[in-house]
């Protein structure tokens, strides 16, 4: 990379998705919003490798069909808990 280049990373689906595709089906993700796994296996290595040029980490929630959605208050509570346990960083972007 050249001076002035920046990188945006997308947080892995294994952390941010409630369900994962396994073959033709979607199954519950046992590592959904696992702050420890996010920090140790994604965030710390990303910082070690890319810190000078890391401009953001994107947390994208997958689409949920209407009959499979959490109530908004539950989702907000889960996300608040997750973000309270991971390192504080102004480069986080939730969409």
PDB file of N, CA and C in Angstrom:
ATOM      1  N   UNK A   1       0.838  -1.184   0.000  1.00  0.00           N
ATOM      2  CA  UNK A   1       0.000   0.000   0.000  1.00  0.00           C
ATOM      3  C   UNK A   1       0.881   1.245   0.000  1.00  0.00           C
ATOM      4  N   UNK A   2       0.336   2.303  -0.552  1.00  0.00           N
ATOM      5  CA  UNK A   2       1.058   3.565  -0.610  1.00  0.00           C
ATOM      6  C   UNK A   2       0.658   4.462   0.564  1.00  0.00           C
ATOM      7  N   UNK A   3       1.503   5.431   0.883  1.00  0.00           N
ATOM      8  CA  UNK A   3       1.143   6.419   1.891  1.00  0.00           C
ATOM      9  C   UNK A   3      -0.171   7.083   1.490  1.00  0.00           C
ATOM     10  N   UNK A   4      -1.040   7.235   2.452  1.00  0.00           N
ATOM     11  CA  UNK A   4      -2.328   7.865   2.181  1.00  0.00           C
ATOM     12  C   UNK A   4      -3.433   6.890   1.816  1.00  0.00           C
ATOM     13  N   UNK A   5      -3.088   5.613   1.550  1.00  0.00           N
ATOM     14  CA  UNK A   5      -4.108   4.603   1.275  1.00  0.00           C
ATOM     15  C   UNK A   5      -4.788   4.201   2.586  1.00  0.00           C
ATOM     16  N   UNK A   6      -6.077   3.930   2.519  1.00  0.00           N
ATOM     17  CA  UNK A   6      -6.831   3.507   3.695  1.00  0.00           C
ATOM     18  C   UNK A   6      -7.625   2.244   3.388  1.00  0.00           C
ATOM     19  N   UNK A   7      -7.923   1.499   4.443  1.00  0.00           N
ATOM     20  CA  UNK A   7      -8.632   0.231   4.321  1.00  0.00           C
ATOM     21  C   UNK A   7      -9.882   0.272   5.188  1.00  0.00           C
ATOM     22  N   UNK A   8     -10.983  -0.247   4.642  1.00  0.00           N
ATOM     23  CA  UNK A   8     -12.194  -0.518   5.409  1.00  0.00           C
ATOM     24  C   UNK A   8     -12.345  -2.025   5.479  1.00  0.00           C
ATOM     25  N   UNK A   9     -12.574  -2.552   6.663  1.00  0.00           N
ATOM     26  CA  UNK A   9     -12.792  -3.983   6.832  1.00  0.00           C
ATOM     27  C   UNK A   9     -14.232  -4.231   7.238  1.00  0.00           C
ATOM     28  N   UNK A  10     -14.774  -5.326   6.784  1.00  0.00           N
ATOM     29  CA  UNK A  10     -16.107  -5.731   7.210  1.00  0.00           C
ATOM     30  C   UNK A  10     -15.943  -6.791   8.290  1.00  0.00           C
ATOM     31  N   UNK A  11     -16.594  -6.580   9.427  1.00  0.00           N
ATOM     32  CA  UNK A  11     -16.540  -7.568  10.502  1.00  0.00           C
ATOM     33  C   UNK A  11     -17.050  -8.906   9.967  1.00  0.00           C
ATOM     34  N   UNK A  12     -16.431 -10.001  10.373  1.00  0.00           N
ATOM     35  CA  UNK A  12     -16.801 -11.298   9.815  1.00  0.00           C
ATOM     36  C   UNK A  12     -18.227 -11.723  10.165  1.00  0.00           C
ATOM     37  N   UNK A  13     -18.825 -12.386   9.214  1.00  0.00           N
ATOM     38  CA  UNK A  13     -20.194 -12.894   9.378  1.00  0.00           C
ATOM     39  C   UNK A  13     -20.284 -13.835  10.580  1.00  0.00           C
ATOM     40  N   UNK A  14     -19.221 -14.546  10.861  1.00  0.00           N
ATOM     41  CA  UNK A  14     -19.220 -15.497  11.978  1.00  0.00           C
ATOM     42  C   UNK A  14     -19.456 -14.788  13.316  1.00  0.00           C
ATOM     43  N   UNK A  15     -19.245 -13.483  13.355  1.00  0.00           N
ATOM     44  CA  UNK A  15     -19.474 -12.701  14.570  1.00  0.00           C
ATOM     45  C   UNK A  15     -20.787 -11.931  14.515  1.00  0.00           C
ATOM     46  N   UNK A  16     -21.106 -11.359  13.385  1.00  0.00           N
ATOM     47  CA  UNK A  16     -22.193 -10.388  13.321  1.00  0.00           C
ATOM     48  C   UNK A  16     -23.524 -10.968  12.823  1.00  0.00           C
ATOM     49  N   UNK A  17     -23.505 -12.153  12.213  1.00  0.00           N
ATOM     50  CA  UNK A  17     -24.746 -12.745  11.689  1.00  0.00           C
ATOM     51  C   UNK A  17     -25.378 -13.684  12.711  1.00  0.00           C
ATOM     52  N   UNK A  18     -26.673 -13.524  12.922  1.00  0.00           N
ATOM     53  CA  UNK A  18     -27.395 -14.421  13.837  1.00  0.00           C
ATOM     54  C   UNK A  18     -27.496 -15.821  13.290  1.00  0.00           C
ATOM     55  N   UNK A  19     -27.631 -15.915  11.971  1.00  0.00           N
ATOM     56  CA  UNK A  19     -27.744 -17.230  11.326  1.00  0.00           C
ATOM     57  C   UNK A  19     -26.727 -17.311  10.205  1.00  0.00           C
ATOM     58  N   UNK A  20     -26.240 -18.521   9.966  1.00  0.00           N
ATOM     59  CA  UNK A  20     -25.267 -18.773   8.911  1.00  0.00           C
ATOM     60  C   UNK A  20     -25.812 -19.819   7.960  1.00  0.00           C
ATOM     61  N   UNK A  21     -25.483 -19.663   6.687  1.00  0.00           N
ATOM     62  CA  UNK A  21     -25.906 -20.658   5.702  1.00  0.00           C
ATOM     63  C   UNK A  21     -25.010 -21.879   5.823  1.00  0.00           C
ATOM     64  N   UNK A  22     -25.617 -23.012   5.970  1.00  0.00           N
ATOM     65  CA  UNK A  22     -24.923 -24.294   5.991  1.00  0.00           C
ATOM     66  C   UNK A  22     -25.647 -25.204   4.998  1.00  0.00           C
ATOM     67  N   UNK A  23     -25.060 -25.321   3.817  1.00  0.00           N
ATOM     68  CA  UNK A  23     -25.738 -26.056   2.749  1.00  0.00           C
ATOM     69  C   UNK A  23     -26.936 -25.262   2.289  1.00  0.00           C
ATOM     70  N   UNK A  24     -28.093 -25.896   2.278  1.00  0.00           N
ATOM     71  CA  UNK A  24     -29.314 -25.245   1.815  1.00  0.00           C
ATOM     72  C   UNK A  24     -30.095 -24.583   2.947  1.00  0.00           C
ATOM     73  N   UNK A  25     -29.599 -24.701   4.168  1.00  0.00           N
ATOM     74  CA  UNK A  25     -30.342 -24.193   5.324  1.00  0.00           C
ATOM     75  C   UNK A  25     -29.569 -23.097   6.041  1.00  0.00           C
ATOM     76  N   UNK A  26     -30.296 -22.338   6.841  1.00  0.00           N
ATOM     77  CA  UNK A  26     -29.680 -21.367   7.731  1.00  0.00           C
ATOM     78  C   UNK A  26     -29.770 -21.920   9.144  1.00  0.00           C
ATOM     79  N   UNK A  27     -28.654 -21.868   9.864  1.00  0.00           N
ATOM     80  CA  UNK A  27     -28.609 -22.390  11.229  1.00  0.00           C
ATOM     81  C   UNK A  27     -28.190 -21.279  12.185  1.00  0.00           C
ATOM     82  N   UNK A  28     -28.568 -21.434  13.444  1.00  0.00           N
ATOM     83  CA  UNK A  28     -28.182 -20.460  14.464  1.00  0.00           C
ATOM     84  C   UNK A  28     -26.665 -20.400  14.558  1.00  0.00           C
ATOM     85  N   UNK A  29     -26.145 -19.216  14.678  1.00  0.00           N
ATOM     86  CA  UNK A  29     -24.705 -18.977  14.779  1.00  0.00           C
ATOM     87  C   UNK A  29     -24.312 -18.938  16.250  1.00  0.00           C
ATOM     88  N   UNK A  30     -23.580 -19.928  16.697  1.00  0.00           N
ATOM     89  CA  UNK A  30     -23.194 -20.019  18.104  1.00  0.00           C
ATOM     90  C   UNK A  30     -22.188 -18.944  18.510  1.00  0.00           C
ATOM     91  N   UNK A  31     -21.555 -18.283  17.550  1.00  0.00           N
ATOM     92  CA  UNK A  31     -20.578 -17.243  17.877  1.00  0.00           C
ATOM     93  C   UNK A  31     -21.131 -15.837  17.629  1.00  0.00           C
ATOM     94  N   UNK A  32     -22.443 -15.735  17.457  1.00  0.00           N
ATOM     95  CA  UNK A  32     -23.097 -14.441  17.213  1.00  0.00           C
ATOM     96  C   UNK A  32     -22.780 -13.470  18.346  1.00  0.00           C
ATOM     97  N   UNK A  33     -22.236 -12.326  18.002  1.00  0.00           N
ATOM     98  CA  UNK A  33     -21.880 -11.256  18.920  1.00  0.00           C
ATOM     99  C   UNK A  33     -20.974 -11.728  20.061  1.00  0.00           C
ATOM    100  N   UNK A  34     -20.072 -12.641  19.753  1.00  0.00           N
ATOM    101  CA  UNK A  34     -19.101 -13.111  20.742  1.00  0.00           C
ATOM    102  C   UNK A  34     -17.940 -12.117  20.778  1.00  0.00           C
ATOM    103  N   UNK A  35     -17.914 -11.300  21.798  1.00  0.00           N
ATOM    104  CA  UNK A  35     -16.918 -10.228  21.907  1.00  0.00           C
ATOM    105  C   UNK A  35     -15.502 -10.776  22.025  1.00  0.00           C
ATOM    106  N   UNK A  36     -15.332 -11.876  22.717  1.00  0.00           N
ATOM    107  CA  UNK A  36     -14.001 -12.455  22.902  1.00  0.00           C
ATOM    108  C   UNK A  36     -13.419 -12.937  21.574  1.00  0.00           C
ATOM    109  N   UNK A  37     -14.215 -13.654  20.800  1.00  0.00           N
ATOM    110  CA  UNK A  37     -13.752 -14.139  19.498  1.00  0.00           C
ATOM    111  C   UNK A  37     -13.476 -12.957  18.561  1.00  0.00           C
ATOM    112  N   UNK A  38     -14.375 -11.981  18.552  1.00  0.00           N
ATOM    113  CA  UNK A  38     -14.149 -10.803  17.707  1.00  0.00           C
ATOM    114  C   UNK A  38     -12.817 -10.143  18.051  1.00  0.00           C
ATOM    115  N   UNK A  39     -12.591  -9.922  19.331  1.00  0.00           N
ATOM    116  CA  UNK A  39     -11.388  -9.204  19.765  1.00  0.00           C
ATOM    117  C   UNK A  39     -10.118  -9.989  19.474  1.00  0.00           C
ATOM    118  N   UNK A  40     -10.093 -11.254  19.852  1.00  0.00           N
ATOM    119  CA  UNK A  40      -8.864 -12.051  19.718  1.00  0.00           C
ATOM    120  C   UNK A  40      -8.582 -12.495  18.289  1.00  0.00           C
ATOM    121  N   UNK A  41      -9.621 -12.872  17.551  1.00  0.00           N
ATOM    122  CA  UNK A  41      -9.394 -13.479  16.236  1.00  0.00           C
ATOM    123  C   UNK A  41      -9.553 -12.515  15.067  1.00  0.00           C
ATOM    124  N   UNK A  42     -10.127 -11.356  15.304  1.00  0.00           N
ATOM    125  CA  UNK A  42     -10.307 -10.403  14.207  1.00  0.00           C
ATOM    126  C   UNK A  42      -9.705  -9.037  14.523  1.00  0.00           C
ATOM    127  N   UNK A  43     -10.166  -8.419  15.591  1.00  0.00           N
ATOM    128  CA  UNK A  43      -9.769  -7.034  15.872  1.00  0.00           C
ATOM    129  C   UNK A  43      -8.270  -6.892  16.142  1.00  0.00           C
ATOM    130  N   UNK A  44      -7.731  -7.653  17.087  1.00  0.00           N
ATOM    131  CA  UNK A  44      -6.307  -7.513  17.421  1.00  0.00           C
ATOM    132  C   UNK A  44      -5.408  -7.803  16.227  1.00  0.00           C
ATOM    133  N   UNK A  45      -5.631  -8.900  15.462  1.00  0.00           N
ATOM    134  CA  UNK A  45      -4.794  -9.101  14.274  1.00  0.00           C
ATOM    135  C   UNK A  45      -4.945  -7.970  13.247  1.00  0.00           C
ATOM    136  N   UNK A  46      -6.153  -7.464  13.070  1.00  0.00           N
ATOM    137  CA  UNK A  46      -6.359  -6.367  12.116  1.00  0.00           C
ATOM    138  C   UNK A  46      -5.582  -5.134  12.540  1.00  0.00           C
ATOM    139  N   UNK A  47      -5.606  -4.823  13.819  1.00  0.00           N
ATOM    140  CA  UNK A  47      -4.878  -3.661  14.327  1.00  0.00           C
ATOM    141  C   UNK A  47      -3.376  -3.865  14.164  1.00  0.00           C
ATOM    142  N   UNK A  48      -2.897  -5.057  14.491  1.00  0.00           N
ATOM    143  CA  UNK A  48      -1.458  -5.333  14.372  1.00  0.00           C
ATOM    144  C   UNK A  48      -0.972  -5.177  12.931  1.00  0.00           C
ATOM    145  N   UNK A  49      -1.782  -5.591  11.974  1.00  0.00           N
ATOM    146  CA  UNK A  49      -1.363  -5.575  10.575  1.00  0.00           C
ATOM    147  C   UNK A  49      -1.667  -4.242   9.888  1.00  0.00           C
ATOM    148  N   UNK A  50      -2.833  -3.678  10.167  1.00  0.00           N
ATOM    149  CA  UNK A  50      -3.324  -2.549   9.366  1.00  0.00           C
ATOM    150  C   UNK A  50      -3.485  -1.225  10.097  1.00  0.00           C
ATOM    151  N   UNK A  51      -3.144  -1.154  11.361  1.00  0.00           N
ATOM    152  CA  UNK A  51      -3.486   0.036  12.151  1.00  0.00           C
ATOM    153  C   UNK A  51      -3.184   1.366  11.484  1.00  0.00           C
ATOM    154  N   UNK A  52      -2.015   1.567  10.892  1.00  0.00           N
ATOM    155  CA  UNK A  52      -1.755   2.887  10.315  1.00  0.00           C
ATOM    156  C   UNK A  52      -2.710   3.260   9.175  1.00  0.00           C
ATOM    157  N   UNK A  53      -3.253   2.268   8.491  1.00  0.00           N
ATOM    158  CA  UNK A  53      -4.107   2.592   7.345  1.00  0.00           C
ATOM    159  C   UNK A  53      -5.550   2.101   7.521  1.00  0.00           C
ATOM    160  N   UNK A  54      -5.868   1.534   8.689  1.00  0.00           N
ATOM    161  CA  UNK A  54      -7.236   1.065   8.930  1.00  0.00           C
ATOM    162  C   UNK A  54      -8.129   2.269   9.198  1.00  0.00           C
ATOM    163  N   UNK A  55      -9.086   2.476   8.328  1.00  0.00           N
ATOM    164  CA  UNK A  55      -9.955   3.647   8.422  1.00  0.00           C
ATOM    165  C   UNK A  55     -11.318   3.318   9.012  1.00  0.00           C
ATOM    166  N   UNK A  56     -11.685   2.033   9.060  1.00  0.00           N
ATOM    167  CA  UNK A  56     -12.971   1.673   9.632  1.00  0.00           C
ATOM    168  C   UNK A  56     -13.224   0.189   9.609  1.00  0.00           C
ATOM    169  N   UNK A  57     -14.075  -0.254  10.539  1.00  0.00           N
ATOM    170  CA  UNK A  57     -14.566  -1.628  10.571  1.00  0.00           C
ATOM    171  C   UNK A  57     -16.082  -1.535  10.502  1.00  0.00           C
ATOM    172  N   UNK A  58     -16.654  -2.194   9.522  1.00  0.00           N
ATOM    173  CA  UNK A  58     -18.095  -2.132   9.259  1.00  0.00           C
ATOM    174  C   UNK A  58     -18.780  -3.347   9.877  1.00  0.00           C
ATOM    175  N   UNK A  59     -19.821  -3.093  10.650  1.00  0.00           N
ATOM    176  CA  UNK A  59     -20.645  -4.148  11.241  1.00  0.00           C
ATOM    177  C   UNK A  59     -21.981  -4.119  10.514  1.00  0.00           C
ATOM    178  N   UNK A  60     -22.186  -5.060   9.612  1.00  0.00           N
ATOM    179  CA  UNK A  60     -23.406  -5.088   8.801  1.00  0.00           C
ATOM    180  C   UNK A  60     -24.316  -6.213   9.268  1.00  0.00           C
ATOM    181  N   UNK A  61     -25.519  -5.851   9.690  1.00  0.00           N
ATOM    182  CA  UNK A  61     -26.505  -6.843  10.080  1.00  0.00           C
ATOM    183  C   UNK A  61     -27.164  -7.411   8.830  1.00  0.00           C
ATOM    184  N   UNK A  62     -27.309  -8.722   8.798  1.00  0.00           N
ATOM    185  CA  UNK A  62     -27.941  -9.361   7.655  1.00  0.00           C
ATOM    186  C   UNK A  62     -29.451  -9.146   7.705  1.00  0.00           C
ATOM    187  N   UNK A  63     -30.079  -9.329   6.566  1.00  0.00           N
ATOM    188  CA  UNK A  63     -31.532  -9.206   6.470  1.00  0.00           C
ATOM    189  C   UNK A  63     -32.188 -10.362   7.217  1.00  0.00           C
ATOM    190  N   UNK A  64     -33.265 -10.069   7.932  1.00  0.00           N
ATOM    191  CA  UNK A  64     -34.054 -11.103   8.607  1.00  0.00           C
ATOM    192  C   UNK A  64     -35.482 -11.042   8.088  1.00  0.00           C
ATOM    193  N   UNK A  65     -36.020 -12.162   7.630  1.00  0.00           N
ATOM    194  CA  UNK A  65     -37.437 -12.166   7.250  1.00  0.00           C
ATOM    195  C   UNK A  65     -38.299 -11.736   8.444  1.00  0.00           C
ATOM    196  N   UNK A  66     -39.437 -11.161   8.163  1.00  0.00           N
ATOM    197  CA  UNK A  66     -40.300 -10.611   9.205  1.00  0.00           C
ATOM    198  C   UNK A  66     -40.586 -11.616  10.317  1.00  0.00           C
ATOM    199  N   UNK A  67     -40.805 -12.871   9.957  1.00  0.00           N
ATOM    200  CA  UNK A  67     -41.153 -13.879  10.971  1.00  0.00           C
ATOM    201  C   UNK A  67     -39.934 -14.385  11.744  1.00  0.00           C
ATOM    202  N   UNK A  68     -38.741 -13.869  11.445  1.00  0.00           N
ATOM    203  CA  UNK A  68     -37.521 -14.333  12.104  1.00  0.00           C
ATOM    204  C   UNK A  68     -36.752 -13.178  12.757  1.00  0.00           C
ATOM    205  N   UNK A  69     -37.411 -12.067  12.971  1.00  0.00           N
ATOM    206  CA  UNK A  69     -36.732 -10.904  13.527  1.00  0.00           C
ATOM    207  C   UNK A  69     -36.829 -10.883  15.049  1.00  0.00           C
ATOM    208  N   UNK A  70     -35.760 -10.391  15.677  1.00  0.00           N
ATOM    209  CA  UNK A  70     -35.804 -10.081  17.103  1.00  0.00           C
ATOM    210  C   UNK A  70     -36.583  -8.795  17.265  1.00  0.00           C
ATOM    211  N   UNK A  71     -37.233  -8.610  18.390  1.00  0.00           N
ATOM    212  CA  UNK A  71     -37.808  -7.284  18.651  1.00  0.00           C
ATOM    213  C   UNK A  71     -36.675  -6.254  18.658  1.00  0.00           C
ATOM    214  N   UNK A  72     -36.913  -5.050  18.152  1.00  0.00           N
ATOM    215  CA  UNK A  72     -35.854  -4.036  18.082  1.00  0.00           C
ATOM    216  C   UNK A  72     -35.160  -3.789  19.424  1.00  0.00           C
ATOM    217  N   UNK A  73     -35.912  -3.810  20.521  1.00  0.00           N
ATOM    218  CA  UNK A  73     -35.307  -3.578  21.837  1.00  0.00           C
ATOM    219  C   UNK A  73     -34.306  -4.680  22.191  1.00  0.00           C
ATOM    220  N   UNK A  74     -34.615  -5.920  21.828  1.00  0.00           N
ATOM    221  CA  UNK A  74     -33.709  -7.047  22.090  1.00  0.00           C
ATOM    222  C   UNK A  74     -32.440  -6.904  21.252  1.00  0.00           C
ATOM    223  N   UNK A  75     -32.590  -6.574  19.978  1.00  0.00           N
ATOM    224  CA  UNK A  75     -31.429  -6.377  19.113  1.00  0.00           C
ATOM    225  C   UNK A  75     -30.552  -5.248  19.643  1.00  0.00           C
ATOM    226  N   UNK A  76     -31.163  -4.139  20.034  1.00  0.00           N
ATOM    227  CA  UNK A  76     -30.404  -3.002  20.572  1.00  0.00           C
ATOM    228  C   UNK A  76     -29.666  -3.398  21.848  1.00  0.00           C
ATOM    229  N   UNK A  77     -30.324  -4.159  22.712  1.00  0.00           N
ATOM    230  CA  UNK A  77     -29.699  -4.615  23.958  1.00  0.00           C
ATOM    231  C   UNK A  77     -28.500  -5.518  23.664  1.00  0.00           C
ATOM    232  N   UNK A  78     -28.669  -6.457  22.732  1.00  0.00           N
ATOM    233  CA  UNK A  78     -27.580  -7.372  22.370  1.00  0.00           C
ATOM    234  C   UNK A  78     -26.392  -6.613  21.781  1.00  0.00           C
ATOM    235  N   UNK A  79     -26.670  -5.648  20.901  1.00  0.00           N
ATOM    236  CA  UNK A  79     -25.598  -4.863  20.304  1.00  0.00           C
ATOM    237  C   UNK A  79     -24.911  -3.981  21.339  1.00  0.00           C
ATOM    238  N   UNK A  80     -25.680  -3.376  22.225  1.00  0.00           N
ATOM    239  CA  UNK A  80     -25.088  -2.563  23.294  1.00  0.00           C
ATOM    240  C   UNK A  80     -24.144  -3.395  24.154  1.00  0.00           C
ATOM    241  N   UNK A  81     -24.583  -4.600  24.490  1.00  0.00           N
ATOM    242  CA  UNK A  81     -23.749  -5.490  25.307  1.00  0.00           C
ATOM    243  C   UNK A  81     -22.464  -5.861  24.558  1.00  0.00           C
ATOM    244  N   UNK A  82     -22.578  -6.213  23.287  1.00  0.00           N
ATOM    245  CA  UNK A  82     -21.417  -6.571  22.479  1.00  0.00           C
ATOM    246  C   UNK A  82     -20.429  -5.409  22.405  1.00  0.00           C
ATOM    247  N   UNK A  83     -20.914  -4.224  22.034  1.00  0.00           N
ATOM    248  CA  UNK A  83     -20.024  -3.076  21.878  1.00  0.00           C
ATOM    249  C   UNK A  83     -19.427  -2.624  23.212  1.00  0.00           C
ATOM    250  N   UNK A  84     -20.085  -2.923  24.322  1.00  0.00           N
ATOM    251  CA  UNK A  84     -19.516  -2.561  25.626  1.00  0.00           C
ATOM    252  C   UNK A  84     -18.365  -3.486  26.016  1.00  0.00           C
ATOM    253  N   UNK A  85     -18.278  -4.665  25.389  1.00  0.00           N
ATOM    254  CA  UNK A  85     -17.251  -5.652  25.742  1.00  0.00           C
ATOM    255  C   UNK A  85     -16.039  -5.646  24.814  1.00  0.00           C
ATOM    256  N   UNK A  86     -16.169  -5.036  23.645  1.00  0.00           N
ATOM    257  CA  UNK A  86     -15.037  -5.023  22.711  1.00  0.00           C
ATOM    258  C   UNK A  86     -14.232  -3.738  22.922  1.00  0.00           C
ATOM    259  N   UNK A  87     -12.994  -3.700  22.427  1.00  0.00           N
ATOM    260  CA  UNK A  87     -12.191  -2.480  22.584  1.00  0.00           C
ATOM    261  C   UNK A  87     -12.922  -1.260  22.015  1.00  0.00           C
ATOM    262  N   UNK A  88     -12.759  -0.139  22.660  1.00  0.00           N
ATOM    263  CA  UNK A  88     -13.354   1.111  22.171  1.00  0.00           C
ATOM    264  C   UNK A  88     -12.532   1.586  20.980  1.00  0.00           C
ATOM    265  N   UNK A  89     -13.200   1.950  19.910  1.00  0.00           N
ATOM    266  CA  UNK A  89     -12.500   2.378  18.697  1.00  0.00           C
ATOM    267  C   UNK A  89     -13.447   3.265  17.894  1.00  0.00           C
ATOM    268  N   UNK A  90     -13.008   4.431  17.540  1.00  0.00           N
ATOM    269  CA  UNK A  90     -13.855   5.373  16.793  1.00  0.00           C
ATOM    270  C   UNK A  90     -14.031   4.967  15.346  1.00  0.00           C
ATOM    271  N   UNK A  91     -13.360   3.914  14.924  1.00  0.00           N
ATOM    272  CA  UNK A  91     -13.447   3.481  13.516  1.00  0.00           C
ATOM    273  C   UNK A  91     -14.563   2.467  13.275  1.00  0.00           C
ATOM    274  N   UNK A  92     -15.368   2.149  14.289  1.00  0.00           N
ATOM    275  CA  UNK A  92     -16.471   1.211  14.110  1.00  0.00           C
ATOM    276  C   UNK A  92     -17.648   1.898  13.433  1.00  0.00           C
ATOM    277  N   UNK A  93     -18.253   1.224  12.450  1.00  0.00           N
ATOM    278  CA  UNK A  93     -19.403   1.736  11.729  1.00  0.00           C
ATOM    279  C   UNK A  93     -20.455   0.623  11.687  1.00  0.00           C
ATOM    280  N   UNK A  94     -21.638   0.886  12.221  1.00  0.00           N
ATOM    281  CA  UNK A  94     -22.710  -0.106  12.191  1.00  0.00           C
ATOM    282  C   UNK A  94     -23.727   0.275  11.136  1.00  0.00           C
ATOM    283  N   UNK A  95     -24.063  -0.703  10.274  1.00  0.00           N
ATOM    284  CA  UNK A  95     -25.095  -0.471   9.267  1.00  0.00           C
ATOM    285  C   UNK A  95     -26.057  -1.636   9.251  1.00  0.00           C
TER     286      UNK A  95
END
